[in-house]
Amino acid sequence: MEWAGWISLILMLCFVAYPARVRAVEKKVKRLERKVNGGTDMSKIFNDLVGKECIMKTDEGLSFAGSTSVKCQVLDVDDEWIKFSYMTKKEGKKIKIMRIDAIDSVDVVE
């Protein structure tokens, strides 16, 4: 019966990294889809926000001074990235570059 335990251990070790491989393949597929389609629809929407103030929310682990949302001004946008500036209490004005895919929602401040 020991051989069954060893086989189970080997199979488990082989599939431990499987979710990471799936995520890597999903990212590659998204990149290929962007190239085929000529960019994402989101980046076209964000192009209209350049120069406007908005509140961006994200859950990607990026915290803006202890929060997952930030009031910012969009500076520049391309197919995959967004460049924006925001104010912090300690450091003042900061400029950050983030992937568009990491943004959960955007509220435009009028």
PDB file of N, CA and C in Angstrom:
ATOM      1  N   MET A   1       0.806  -1.198   0.000  1.00  0.00           N
ATOM      2  CA  MET A   1       0.000   0.000   0.000  1.00  0.00           C
ATOM      3  C   MET A   1       0.850   1.263   0.000  1.00  0.00           C
ATOM      4  N   GLU A   2       2.105   1.144   0.335  1.00  0.00           N
ATOM      5  CA  GLU A   2       2.961   2.337   0.344  1.00  0.00           C
ATOM      6  C   GLU A   2       3.098   2.934  -1.047  1.00  0.00           C
ATOM      7  N   TRP A   3       3.077   2.083  -2.061  1.00  0.00           N
ATOM      8  CA  TRP A   3       3.247   2.597  -3.420  1.00  0.00           C
ATOM      9  C   TRP A   3       2.075   3.506  -3.812  1.00  0.00           C
ATOM     10  N   ALA A   4       0.893   3.242  -3.286  1.00  0.00           N
ATOM     11  CA  ALA A   4      -0.259   4.102  -3.582  1.00  0.00           C
ATOM     12  C   ALA A   4      -0.050   5.496  -2.987  1.00  0.00           C
ATOM     13  N   GLY A   5       0.522   5.550  -1.806  1.00  0.00           N
ATOM     14  CA  GLY A   5       0.822   6.841  -1.183  1.00  0.00           C
ATOM     15  C   GLY A   5       1.851   7.616  -1.968  1.00  0.00           C
ATOM     16  N   TRP A   6       2.876   6.926  -2.445  1.00  0.00           N
ATOM     17  CA  TRP A   6       3.929   7.591  -3.230  1.00  0.00           C
ATOM     18  C   TRP A   6       3.372   8.109  -4.561  1.00  0.00           C
ATOM     19  N   ILE A   7       2.527   7.319  -5.190  1.00  0.00           N
ATOM     20  CA  ILE A   7       1.934   7.755  -6.456  1.00  0.00           C
ATOM     21  C   ILE A   7       1.035   8.970  -6.219  1.00  0.00           C
ATOM     22  N   SER A   8       0.282   8.957  -5.128  1.00  0.00           N
ATOM     23  CA  SER A   8      -0.574  10.102  -4.796  1.00  0.00           C
ATOM     24  C   SER A   8       0.252  11.357  -4.565  1.00  0.00           C
ATOM     25  N   LEU A   9       1.364  11.207  -3.856  1.00  0.00           N
ATOM     26  CA  LEU A   9       2.244  12.345  -3.589  1.00  0.00           C
ATOM     27  C   LEU A   9       2.824  12.901  -4.876  1.00  0.00           C
ATOM     28  N   ILE A  10       3.250  12.036  -5.764  1.00  0.00           N
ATOM     29  CA  ILE A  10       3.829  12.493  -7.032  1.00  0.00           C
ATOM     30  C   ILE A  10       2.784  13.211  -7.877  1.00  0.00           C
ATOM     31  N   LEU A  11       1.580  12.670  -7.942  1.00  0.00           N
ATOM     32  CA  LEU A  11       0.517  13.333  -8.700  1.00  0.00           C
ATOM     33  C   LEU A  11       0.159  14.692  -8.107  1.00  0.00           C
ATOM     34  N   MET A  12       0.121  14.759  -6.797  1.00  0.00           N
ATOM     35  CA  MET A  12      -0.188  16.015  -6.139  1.00  0.00           C
ATOM     36  C   MET A  12       0.887  17.057  -6.436  1.00  0.00           C
ATOM     37  N   LEU A  13       2.147  16.670  -6.402  1.00  0.00           N
ATOM     38  CA  LEU A  13       3.237  17.597  -6.691  1.00  0.00           C
ATOM     39  C   LEU A  13       3.206  18.073  -8.140  1.00  0.00           C
ATOM     40  N   CYS A  14       2.775  17.204  -9.040  1.00  0.00           N
ATOM     41  CA  CYS A  14       2.694  17.584 -10.455  1.00  0.00           C
ATOM     42  C   CYS A  14       1.628  18.641 -10.696  1.00  0.00           C
ATOM     43  N   PHE A  15       0.520  18.581  -9.961  1.00  0.00           N
ATOM     44  CA  PHE A  15      -0.599  19.480 -10.209  1.00  0.00           C
ATOM     45  C   PHE A  15      -0.681  20.656  -9.239  1.00  0.00           C
ATOM     46  N   VAL A  16       0.303  20.832  -8.375  1.00  0.00           N
ATOM     47  CA  VAL A  16       0.288  21.960  -7.435  1.00  0.00           C
ATOM     48  C   VAL A  16       0.367  23.283  -8.182  1.00  0.00           C
ATOM     49  N   ALA A  17       1.196  23.374  -9.201  1.00  0.00           N
ATOM     50  CA  ALA A  17       1.385  24.616  -9.939  1.00  0.00           C
ATOM     51  C   ALA A  17       0.390  24.760 -11.088  1.00  0.00           C
ATOM     52  N   TYR A  18      -0.558  23.877 -11.211  1.00  0.00           N
ATOM     53  CA  TYR A  18      -1.505  23.903 -12.325  1.00  0.00           C
ATOM     54  C   TYR A  18      -2.321  25.198 -12.400  1.00  0.00           C
ATOM     55  N   PRO A  19      -2.895  25.725 -11.294  1.00  0.00           N
ATOM     56  CA  PRO A  19      -3.648  26.992 -11.399  1.00  0.00           C
ATOM     57  C   PRO A  19      -2.792  28.153 -11.892  1.00  0.00           C
ATOM     58  N   ALA A  20      -1.534  28.210 -11.500  1.00  0.00           N
ATOM     59  CA  ALA A  20      -0.654  29.284 -11.971  1.00  0.00           C
ATOM     60  C   ALA A  20      -0.436  29.164 -13.476  1.00  0.00           C
ATOM     61  N   ARG A  21      -0.320  27.950 -13.962  1.00  0.00           N
ATOM     62  CA  ARG A  21      -0.150  27.743 -15.405  1.00  0.00           C
ATOM     63  C   ARG A  21      -1.402  28.167 -16.157  1.00  0.00           C
ATOM     64  N   VAL A  22      -2.551  27.877 -15.607  1.00  0.00           N
ATOM     65  CA  VAL A  22      -3.809  28.268 -16.250  1.00  0.00           C
ATOM     66  C   VAL A  22      -3.910  29.788 -16.325  1.00  0.00           C
ATOM     67  N   ARG A  23      -3.561  30.488 -15.244  1.00  0.00           N
ATOM     68  CA  ARG A  23      -3.594  31.956 -15.257  1.00  0.00           C
ATOM     69  C   ARG A  23      -2.633  32.516 -16.291  1.00  0.00           C
ATOM     70  N   ALA A  24      -1.451  31.918 -16.411  1.00  0.00           N
ATOM     71  CA  ALA A  24      -0.472  32.391 -17.386  1.00  0.00           C
ATOM     72  C   ALA A  24      -0.998  32.213 -18.808  1.00  0.00           C
ATOM     73  N   VAL A  25      -1.634  31.098 -19.071  1.00  0.00           N
ATOM     74  CA  VAL A  25      -2.201  30.864 -20.399  1.00  0.00           C
ATOM     75  C   VAL A  25      -3.354  31.828 -20.666  1.00  0.00           C
ATOM     76  N   GLU A  26      -4.187  32.105 -19.666  1.00  0.00           N
ATOM     77  CA  GLU A  26      -5.276  33.056 -19.839  1.00  0.00           C
ATOM     78  C   GLU A  26      -4.750  34.440 -20.183  1.00  0.00           C
ATOM     79  N   LYS A  27      -3.669  34.872 -19.541  1.00  0.00           N
ATOM     80  CA  LYS A  27      -3.079  36.177 -19.842  1.00  0.00           C
ATOM     81  C   LYS A  27      -2.572  36.224 -21.278  1.00  0.00           C
ATOM     82  N   LYS A  28      -1.929  35.135 -21.728  1.00  0.00           N
ATOM     83  CA  LYS A  28      -1.431  35.090 -23.100  1.00  0.00           C
ATOM     84  C   LYS A  28      -2.574  35.153 -24.100  1.00  0.00           C
ATOM     85  N   VAL A  29      -3.669  34.466 -23.815  1.00  0.00           N
ATOM     86  CA  VAL A  29      -4.826  34.489 -24.703  1.00  0.00           C
ATOM     87  C   VAL A  29      -5.417  35.897 -24.772  1.00  0.00           C
ATOM     88  N   LYS A  30      -5.510  36.585 -23.622  1.00  0.00           N
ATOM     89  CA  LYS A  30      -6.026  37.958 -23.621  1.00  0.00           C
ATOM     90  C   LYS A  30      -5.158  38.871 -24.469  1.00  0.00           C
ATOM     91  N   ARG A  31      -3.836  38.724 -24.346  1.00  0.00           N
ATOM     92  CA  ARG A  31      -2.924  39.552 -25.152  1.00  0.00           C
ATOM     93  C   ARG A  31      -3.126  39.289 -26.646  1.00  0.00           C
ATOM     94  N   LEU A  32      -3.255  38.021 -27.012  1.00  0.00           N
ATOM     95  CA  LEU A  32      -3.466  37.682 -28.416  1.00  0.00           C
ATOM     96  C   LEU A  32      -4.794  38.229 -28.927  1.00  0.00           C
ATOM     97  N   GLU A  33      -5.840  38.165 -28.100  1.00  0.00           N
ATOM     98  CA  GLU A  33      -7.130  38.712 -28.501  1.00  0.00           C
ATOM     99  C   GLU A  33      -7.037  40.217 -28.719  1.00  0.00           C
ATOM    100  N   ARG A  34      -6.264  40.899 -27.870  1.00  0.00           N
ATOM    101  CA  ARG A  34      -6.104  42.340 -28.038  1.00  0.00           C
ATOM    102  C   ARG A  34      -5.409  42.657 -29.352  1.00  0.00           C
ATOM    103  N   LYS A  35      -4.390  41.862 -29.686  1.00  0.00           N
ATOM    104  CA  LYS A  35      -3.667  42.105 -30.933  1.00  0.00           C
ATOM    105  C   LYS A  35      -4.557  41.857 -32.140  1.00  0.00           C
ATOM    106  N   VAL A  36      -5.378  40.827 -32.078  1.00  0.00           N
ATOM    107  CA  VAL A  36      -6.264  40.497 -33.187  1.00  0.00           C
ATOM    108  C   VAL A  36      -7.341  41.562 -33.336  1.00  0.00           C
ATOM    109  N   ASN A  37      -7.910  42.000 -32.231  1.00  0.00           N
ATOM    110  CA  ASN A  37      -9.000  42.973 -32.262  1.00  0.00           C
ATOM    111  C   ASN A  37      -8.511  44.408 -32.393  1.00  0.00           C
ATOM    112  N   GLY A  38      -7.227  44.627 -32.292  1.00  0.00           N
ATOM    113  CA  GLY A  38      -6.695  45.982 -32.404  1.00  0.00           C
ATOM    114  C   GLY A  38      -6.859  46.806 -31.150  1.00  0.00           C
ATOM    115  N   GLY A  39      -6.807  46.179 -29.994  1.00  0.00           N
ATOM    116  CA  GLY A  39      -6.935  46.894 -28.726  1.00  0.00           C
ATOM    117  C   GLY A  39      -8.215  46.512 -28.023  1.00  0.00           C
ATOM    118  N   THR A  40      -8.331  46.921 -26.791  1.00  0.00           N
ATOM    119  CA  THR A  40      -9.513  46.585 -26.020  1.00  0.00           C
ATOM    120  C   THR A  40     -10.546  47.691 -26.118  1.00  0.00           C
ATOM    121  N   ASP A  41     -11.779  47.336 -25.905  1.00  0.00           N
ATOM    122  CA  ASP A  41     -12.844  48.335 -25.886  1.00  0.00           C
ATOM    123  C   ASP A  41     -12.693  49.253 -24.683  1.00  0.00           C
ATOM    124  N   MET A  42     -12.172  48.697 -23.582  1.00  0.00           N
ATOM    125  CA  MET A  42     -11.981  49.503 -22.374  1.00  0.00           C
ATOM    126  C   MET A  42     -11.023  50.650 -22.634  1.00  0.00           C
ATOM    127  N   SER A  43      -9.941  50.390 -23.360  1.00  0.00           N
ATOM    128  CA  SER A  43      -8.972  51.460 -23.589  1.00  0.00           C
ATOM    129  C   SER A  43      -9.590  52.581 -24.411  1.00  0.00           C
ATOM    130  N   LYS A  44     -10.533  52.266 -25.293  1.00  0.00           N
ATOM    131  CA  LYS A  44     -11.212  53.309 -26.067  1.00  0.00           C
ATOM    132  C   LYS A  44     -12.083  54.169 -25.155  1.00  0.00           C
ATOM    133  N   ILE A  45     -12.715  53.533 -24.192  1.00  0.00           N
ATOM    134  CA  ILE A  45     -13.542  54.265 -23.225  1.00  0.00           C
ATOM    135  C   ILE A  45     -12.657  55.155 -22.358  1.00  0.00           C
ATOM    136  N   PHE A  46     -11.517  54.618 -21.918  1.00  0.00           N
ATOM    137  CA  PHE A  46     -10.612  55.397 -21.078  1.00  0.00           C
ATOM    138  C   PHE A  46      -9.987  56.555 -21.838  1.00  0.00           C
ATOM    139  N   ASN A  47      -9.835  56.466 -23.142  1.00  0.00           N
ATOM    140  CA  ASN A  47      -9.302  57.587 -23.918  1.00  0.00           C
ATOM    141  C   ASN A  47     -10.169  58.826 -23.770  1.00  0.00           C
ATOM    142  N   ASP A  48     -11.467  58.637 -23.591  1.00  0.00           N
ATOM    143  CA  ASP A  48     -12.368  59.778 -23.402  1.00  0.00           C
ATOM    144  C   ASP A  48     -12.182  60.432 -22.030  1.00  0.00           C
ATOM    145  N   LEU A  49     -11.553  59.730 -21.090  1.00  0.00           N
ATOM    146  CA  LEU A  49     -11.383  60.248 -19.729  1.00  0.00           C
ATOM    147  C   LEU A  49     -10.091  61.036 -19.534  1.00  0.00           C
ATOM    148  N   VAL A  50      -9.240  61.103 -20.537  1.00  0.00           N
ATOM    149  CA  VAL A  50      -7.967  61.816 -20.383  1.00  0.00           C
ATOM    150  C   VAL A  50      -8.243  63.276 -20.051  1.00  0.00           C
ATOM    151  N   GLY A  51      -7.632  63.736 -18.961  1.00  0.00           N
ATOM    152  CA  GLY A  51      -7.798  65.110 -18.506  1.00  0.00           C
ATOM    153  C   GLY A  51      -8.951  65.313 -17.542  1.00  0.00           C
ATOM    154  N   LYS A  52      -9.763  64.282 -17.302  1.00  0.00           N
ATOM    155  CA  LYS A  52     -10.903  64.407 -16.396  1.00  0.00           C
ATOM    156  C   LYS A  52     -10.581  63.808 -15.036  1.00  0.00           C
ATOM    157  N   GLU A  53     -11.299  64.291 -14.021  1.00  0.00           N
ATOM    158  CA  GLU A  53     -11.167  63.726 -12.685  1.00  0.00           C
ATOM    159  C   GLU A  53     -12.182  62.612 -12.518  1.00  0.00           C
ATOM    160  N   CYS A  54     -11.748  61.538 -11.863  1.00  0.00           N
ATOM    161  CA  CYS A  54     -12.638  60.407 -11.637  1.00  0.00           C
ATOM    162  C   CYS A  54     -12.203  59.650 -10.384  1.00  0.00           C
ATOM    163  N   ILE A  55     -13.063  58.752  -9.945  1.00  0.00           N
ATOM    164  CA  ILE A  55     -12.766  57.892  -8.800  1.00  0.00           C
ATOM    165  C   ILE A  55     -12.621  56.476  -9.332  1.00  0.00           C
ATOM    166  N   MET A  56     -11.422  55.900  -9.179  1.00  0.00           N
ATOM    167  CA  MET A  56     -11.155  54.547  -9.650  1.00  0.00           C
ATOM    168  C   MET A  56     -11.132  53.591  -8.470  1.00  0.00           C
ATOM    169  N   LYS A  57     -11.716  52.414  -8.675  1.00  0.00           N
ATOM    170  CA  LYS A  57     -11.739  51.379  -7.645  1.00  0.00           C
ATOM    171  C   LYS A  57     -11.066  50.132  -8.181  1.00  0.00           C
ATOM    172  N   THR A  58     -10.254  49.479  -7.318  1.00  0.00           N
ATOM    173  CA  THR A  58      -9.565  48.260  -7.695  1.00  0.00           C
ATOM    174  C   THR A  58      -9.416  47.343  -6.485  1.00  0.00           C
ATOM    175  N   ASP A  59      -9.387  46.064  -6.737  1.00  0.00           N
ATOM    176  CA  ASP A  59      -9.168  45.084  -5.676  1.00  0.00           C
ATOM    177  C   ASP A  59      -7.896  44.292  -5.921  1.00  0.00           C
ATOM    178  N   GLU A  60      -7.012  44.797  -6.733  1.00  0.00           N
ATOM    179  CA  GLU A  60      -5.799  44.094  -7.114  1.00  0.00           C
ATOM    180  C   GLU A  60      -4.715  44.109  -6.039  1.00  0.00           C
ATOM    181  N   GLY A  61      -5.004  44.519  -4.860  1.00  0.00           N
ATOM    182  CA  GLY A  61      -3.978  44.574  -3.827  1.00  0.00           C
ATOM    183  C   GLY A  61      -3.273  45.924  -3.778  1.00  0.00           C
ATOM    184  N   LEU A  62      -3.534  46.762  -4.758  1.00  0.00           N
ATOM    185  CA  LEU A  62      -2.971  48.102  -4.724  1.00  0.00           C
ATOM    186  C   LEU A  62      -3.835  48.934  -3.806  1.00  0.00           C
ATOM    187  N   SER A  63      -3.255  49.447  -2.777  1.00  0.00           N
ATOM    188  CA  SER A  63      -4.057  50.303  -1.904  1.00  0.00           C
ATOM    189  C   SER A  63      -3.566  51.733  -2.042  1.00  0.00           C
ATOM    190  N   PHE A  64      -4.492  52.622  -2.143  1.00  0.00           N
ATOM    191  CA  PHE A  64      -4.181  54.031  -2.258  1.00  0.00           C
ATOM    192  C   PHE A  64      -4.376  54.647  -0.886  1.00  0.00           C
ATOM    193  N   ALA A  65      -3.320  54.761  -0.147  1.00  0.00           N
ATOM    194  CA  ALA A  65      -3.356  55.345   1.191  1.00  0.00           C
ATOM    195  C   ALA A  65      -4.369  54.629   2.075  1.00  0.00           C
ATOM    196  N   GLY A  66      -4.350  53.298   2.021  1.00  0.00           N
ATOM    197  CA  GLY A  66      -5.222  52.497   2.869  1.00  0.00           C
ATOM    198  C   GLY A  66      -6.603  52.242   2.313  1.00  0.00           C
ATOM    199  N   SER A  67      -6.855  52.598   1.075  1.00  0.00           N
ATOM    200  CA  SER A  67      -8.167  52.420   0.470  1.00  0.00           C
ATOM    201  C   SER A  67      -8.030  51.707  -0.871  1.00  0.00           C
ATOM    202  N   THR A  68      -9.116  51.138  -1.350  1.00  0.00           N
ATOM    203  CA  THR A  68      -9.088  50.502  -2.670  1.00  0.00           C
ATOM    204  C   THR A  68      -9.611  51.429  -3.754  1.00  0.00           C
ATOM    205  N   SER A  69      -9.979  52.646  -3.389  1.00  0.00           N
ATOM    206  CA  SER A  69     -10.431  53.623  -4.381  1.00  0.00           C
ATOM    207  C   SER A  69      -9.638  54.912  -4.208  1.00  0.00           C
ATOM    208  N   VAL A  70      -9.561  55.667  -5.294  1.00  0.00           N
ATOM    209  CA  VAL A  70      -8.794  56.908  -5.263  1.00  0.00           C
ATOM    210  C   VAL A  70      -9.434  57.917  -6.217  1.00  0.00           C
ATOM    211  N   LYS A  71      -9.439  59.182  -5.797  1.00  0.00           N
ATOM    212  CA  LYS A  71      -9.871  60.275  -6.672  1.00  0.00           C
ATOM    213  C   LYS A  71      -8.639  60.734  -7.423  1.00  0.00           C
ATOM    214  N   CYS A  72      -8.699  60.687  -8.732  1.00  0.00           N
ATOM    215  CA  CYS A  72      -7.497  60.959  -9.517  1.00  0.00           C
ATOM    216  C   CYS A  72      -7.843  61.705 -10.796  1.00  0.00           C
ATOM    217  N   GLN A  73      -6.785  62.128 -11.492  1.00  0.00           N
ATOM    218  CA  GLN A  73      -6.923  62.742 -12.803  1.00  0.00           C
ATOM    219  C   GLN A  73      -6.187  61.858 -13.799  1.00  0.00           C
ATOM    220  N   VAL A  74      -6.869  61.452 -14.853  1.00  0.00           N
ATOM    221  CA  VAL A  74      -6.282  60.581 -15.871  1.00  0.00           C
ATOM    222  C   VAL A  74      -5.361  61.415 -16.749  1.00  0.00           C
ATOM    223  N   LEU A  75      -4.104  60.981 -16.858  1.00  0.00           N
ATOM    224  CA  LEU A  75      -3.113  61.715 -17.637  1.00  0.00           C
ATOM    225  C   LEU A  75      -2.936  61.149 -19.043  1.00  0.00           C
ATOM    226  N   ASP A  76      -2.864  59.808 -19.145  1.00  0.00           N
ATOM    227  CA  ASP A  76      -2.605  59.190 -20.441  1.00  0.00           C
ATOM    228  C   ASP A  76      -3.131  57.758 -20.422  1.00  0.00           C
ATOM    229  N   VAL A  77      -3.475  57.234 -21.596  1.00  0.00           N
ATOM    230  CA  VAL A  77      -4.026  55.888 -21.725  1.00  0.00           C
ATOM    231  C   VAL A  77      -3.505  55.276 -23.017  1.00  0.00           C
ATOM    232  N   ASP A  78      -3.159  53.976 -22.959  1.00  0.00           N
ATOM    233  CA  ASP A  78      -2.911  53.237 -24.193  1.00  0.00           C
ATOM    234  C   ASP A  78      -3.722  51.949 -24.151  1.00  0.00           C
ATOM    235  N   ASP A  79      -3.381  50.956 -24.945  1.00  0.00           N
ATOM    236  CA  ASP A  79      -4.196  49.742 -25.038  1.00  0.00           C
ATOM    237  C   ASP A  79      -4.259  48.946 -23.747  1.00  0.00           C
ATOM    238  N   GLU A  80      -3.186  48.944 -22.952  1.00  0.00           N
ATOM    239  CA  GLU A  80      -3.142  48.116 -21.749  1.00  0.00           C
ATOM    240  C   GLU A  80      -2.940  48.884 -20.453  1.00  0.00           C
ATOM    241  N   TRP A  81      -2.448  50.104 -20.511  1.00  0.00           N
ATOM    242  CA  TRP A  81      -2.047  50.834 -19.314  1.00  0.00           C
ATOM    243  C   TRP A  81      -2.763  52.168 -19.217  1.00  0.00           C
ATOM    244  N   ILE A  82      -2.886  52.640 -17.972  1.00  0.00           N
ATOM    245  CA  ILE A  82      -3.442  53.967 -17.703  1.00  0.00           C
ATOM    246  C   ILE A  82      -2.496  54.693 -16.745  1.00  0.00           C
ATOM    247  N   LYS A  83      -2.244  55.958 -17.024  1.00  0.00           N
ATOM    248  CA  LYS A  83      -1.375  56.785 -16.188  1.00  0.00           C
ATOM    249  C   LYS A  83      -2.251  57.853 -15.558  1.00  0.00           C
ATOM    250  N   PHE A  84      -2.174  57.955 -14.230  1.00  0.00           N
ATOM    251  CA  PHE A  84      -3.011  58.916 -13.533  1.00  0.00           C
ATOM    252  C   PHE A  84      -2.251  59.512 -12.360  1.00  0.00           C
ATOM    253  N   SER A  85      -2.731  60.659 -11.884  1.00  0.00           N
ATOM    254  CA  SER A  85      -2.121  61.307 -10.725  1.00  0.00           C
ATOM    255  C   SER A  85      -3.186  61.456  -9.642  1.00  0.00           C
ATOM    256  N   TYR A  86      -2.718  61.376  -8.400  1.00  0.00           N
ATOM    257  CA  TYR A  86      -3.613  61.539  -7.253  1.00  0.00           C
ATOM    258  C   TYR A  86      -2.830  62.144  -6.106  1.00  0.00           C
ATOM    259  N   MET A  87      -3.548  62.641  -5.117  1.00  0.00           N
ATOM    260  CA  MET A  87      -2.926  63.311  -3.976  1.00  0.00           C
ATOM    261  C   MET A  87      -2.939  62.393  -2.756  1.00  0.00           C
ATOM    262  N   THR A  88      -1.811  62.397  -2.023  1.00  0.00           N
ATOM    263  CA  THR A  88      -1.746  61.699  -0.742  1.00  0.00           C
ATOM    264  C   THR A  88      -1.480  62.734   0.343  1.00  0.00           C
ATOM    265  N   LYS A  89      -1.827  62.381   1.556  1.00  0.00           N
ATOM    266  CA  LYS A  89      -1.624  63.320   2.659  1.00  0.00           C
ATOM    267  C   LYS A  89      -0.147  63.491   2.985  1.00  0.00           C
ATOM    268  N   LYS A  90       0.608  62.400   2.949  1.00  0.00           N
ATOM    269  CA  LYS A  90       2.013  62.459   3.340  1.00  0.00           C
ATOM    270  C   LYS A  90       2.923  62.949   2.229  1.00  0.00           C
ATOM    271  N   GLU A  91       2.756  62.400   1.030  1.00  0.00           N
ATOM    272  CA  GLU A  91       3.710  62.659  -0.042  1.00  0.00           C
ATOM    273  C   GLU A  91       3.251  63.692  -1.058  1.00  0.00           C
ATOM    274  N   GLY A  92       2.001  64.097  -1.003  1.00  0.00           N
ATOM    275  CA  GLY A  92       1.488  65.071  -1.967  1.00  0.00           C
ATOM    276  C   GLY A  92       1.049  64.387  -3.251  1.00  0.00           C
ATOM    277  N   LYS A  93       1.356  65.004  -4.372  1.00  0.00           N
ATOM    278  CA  LYS A  93       0.926  64.477  -5.666  1.00  0.00           C
ATOM    279  C   LYS A  93       1.786  63.282  -6.065  1.00  0.00           C
ATOM    280  N   LYS A  94       1.112  62.188  -6.458  1.00  0.00           N
ATOM    281  CA  LYS A  94       1.796  60.992  -6.931  1.00  0.00           C
ATOM    282  C   LYS A  94       1.262  60.627  -8.301  1.00  0.00           C
ATOM    283  N   ILE A  95       2.125  60.055  -9.120  1.00  0.00           N
ATOM    284  CA  ILE A  95       1.736  59.571 -10.441  1.00  0.00           C
ATOM    285  C   ILE A  95       1.897  58.061 -10.433  1.00  0.00           C
ATOM    286  N   LYS A  96       0.874  57.369 -10.902  1.00  0.00           N
ATOM    287  CA  LYS A  96       0.885  55.911 -10.904  1.00  0.00           C
ATOM    288  C   LYS A  96       0.484  55.405 -12.280  1.00  0.00           C
ATOM    289  N   ILE A  97       1.060  54.271 -12.664  1.00  0.00           N
ATOM    290  CA  ILE A  97       0.717  53.607 -13.914  1.00  0.00           C
ATOM    291  C   ILE A  97       0.161  52.238 -13.549  1.00  0.00           C
ATOM    292  N   MET A  98      -1.018  51.904 -14.102  1.00  0.00           N
ATOM    293  CA  MET A  98      -1.697  50.664 -13.741  1.00  0.00           C
ATOM    294  C   MET A  98      -2.277  50.013 -15.001  1.00  0.00           C
ATOM    295  N   ARG A  99      -2.378  48.702 -14.974  1.00  0.00           N
ATOM    296  CA  ARG A  99      -3.017  47.983 -16.072  1.00  0.00           C
ATOM    297  C   ARG A  99      -4.521  48.265 -16.060  1.00  0.00           C
ATOM    298  N   ILE A 100      -5.099  48.440 -17.214  1.00  0.00           N
ATOM    299  CA  ILE A 100      -6.528  48.705 -17.327  1.00  0.00           C
ATOM    300  C   ILE A 100      -7.333  47.527 -16.801  1.00  0.00           C
ATOM    301  N   ASP A 101      -6.828  46.313 -17.002  1.00  0.00           N
ATOM    302  CA  ASP A 101      -7.541  45.110 -16.535  1.00  0.00           C
ATOM    303  C   ASP A 101      -7.695  45.083 -15.018  1.00  0.00           C
ATOM    304  N   ALA A 102      -6.847  45.800 -14.282  1.00  0.00           N
ATOM    305  CA  ALA A 102      -6.883  45.778 -12.824  1.00  0.00           C
ATOM    306  C   ALA A 102      -7.951  46.699 -12.247  1.00  0.00           C
ATOM    307  N   ILE A 103      -8.544  47.550 -13.056  1.00  0.00           N
ATOM    308  CA  ILE A 103      -9.519  48.513 -12.586  1.00  0.00           C
ATOM    309  C   ILE A 103     -10.900  47.868 -12.565  1.00  0.00           C
ATOM    310  N   ASP A 104     -11.577  47.965 -11.414  1.00  0.00           N
ATOM    311  CA  ASP A 104     -12.914  47.392 -11.276  1.00  0.00           C
ATOM    312  C   ASP A 104     -14.006  48.338 -11.746  1.00  0.00           C
ATOM    313  N   SER A 105     -13.917  49.604 -11.339  1.00  0.00           N
ATOM    314  CA  SER A 105     -14.934  50.570 -11.758  1.00  0.00           C
ATOM    315  C   SER A 105     -14.353  51.968 -11.752  1.00  0.00           C
ATOM    316  N   VAL A 106     -15.003  52.846 -12.532  1.00  0.00           N
ATOM    317  CA  VAL A 106     -14.600  54.250 -12.640  1.00  0.00           C
ATOM    318  C   VAL A 106     -15.843  55.107 -12.552  1.00  0.00           C
ATOM    319  N   ASP A 107     -15.812  56.082 -11.645  1.00  0.00           N
ATOM    320  CA  ASP A 107     -16.882  57.071 -11.536  1.00  0.00           C
ATOM    321  C   ASP A 107     -16.323  58.423 -11.938  1.00  0.00           C
ATOM    322  N   VAL A 108     -16.926  59.035 -12.927  1.00  0.00           N
ATOM    323  CA  VAL A 108     -16.460  60.342 -13.399  1.00  0.00           C
ATOM    324  C   VAL A 108     -17.002  61.410 -12.470  1.00  0.00           C
ATOM    325  N   VAL A 109     -16.102  62.307 -12.023  1.00  0.00           N
ATOM    326  CA  VAL A 109     -16.487  63.415 -11.145  1.00  0.00           C
ATOM    327  C   VAL A 109     -16.784  64.608 -12.030  1.00  0.00           C
ATOM    328  N   GLU A 110     -18.000  65.096 -11.950  1.00  0.00           N
ATOM    329  CA  GLU A 110     -18.419  66.245 -12.779  1.00  0.00           C
ATOM    330  C   GLU A 110     -18.264  67.534 -12.023  1.00  0.00           C
TER     331      GLU A 110
END
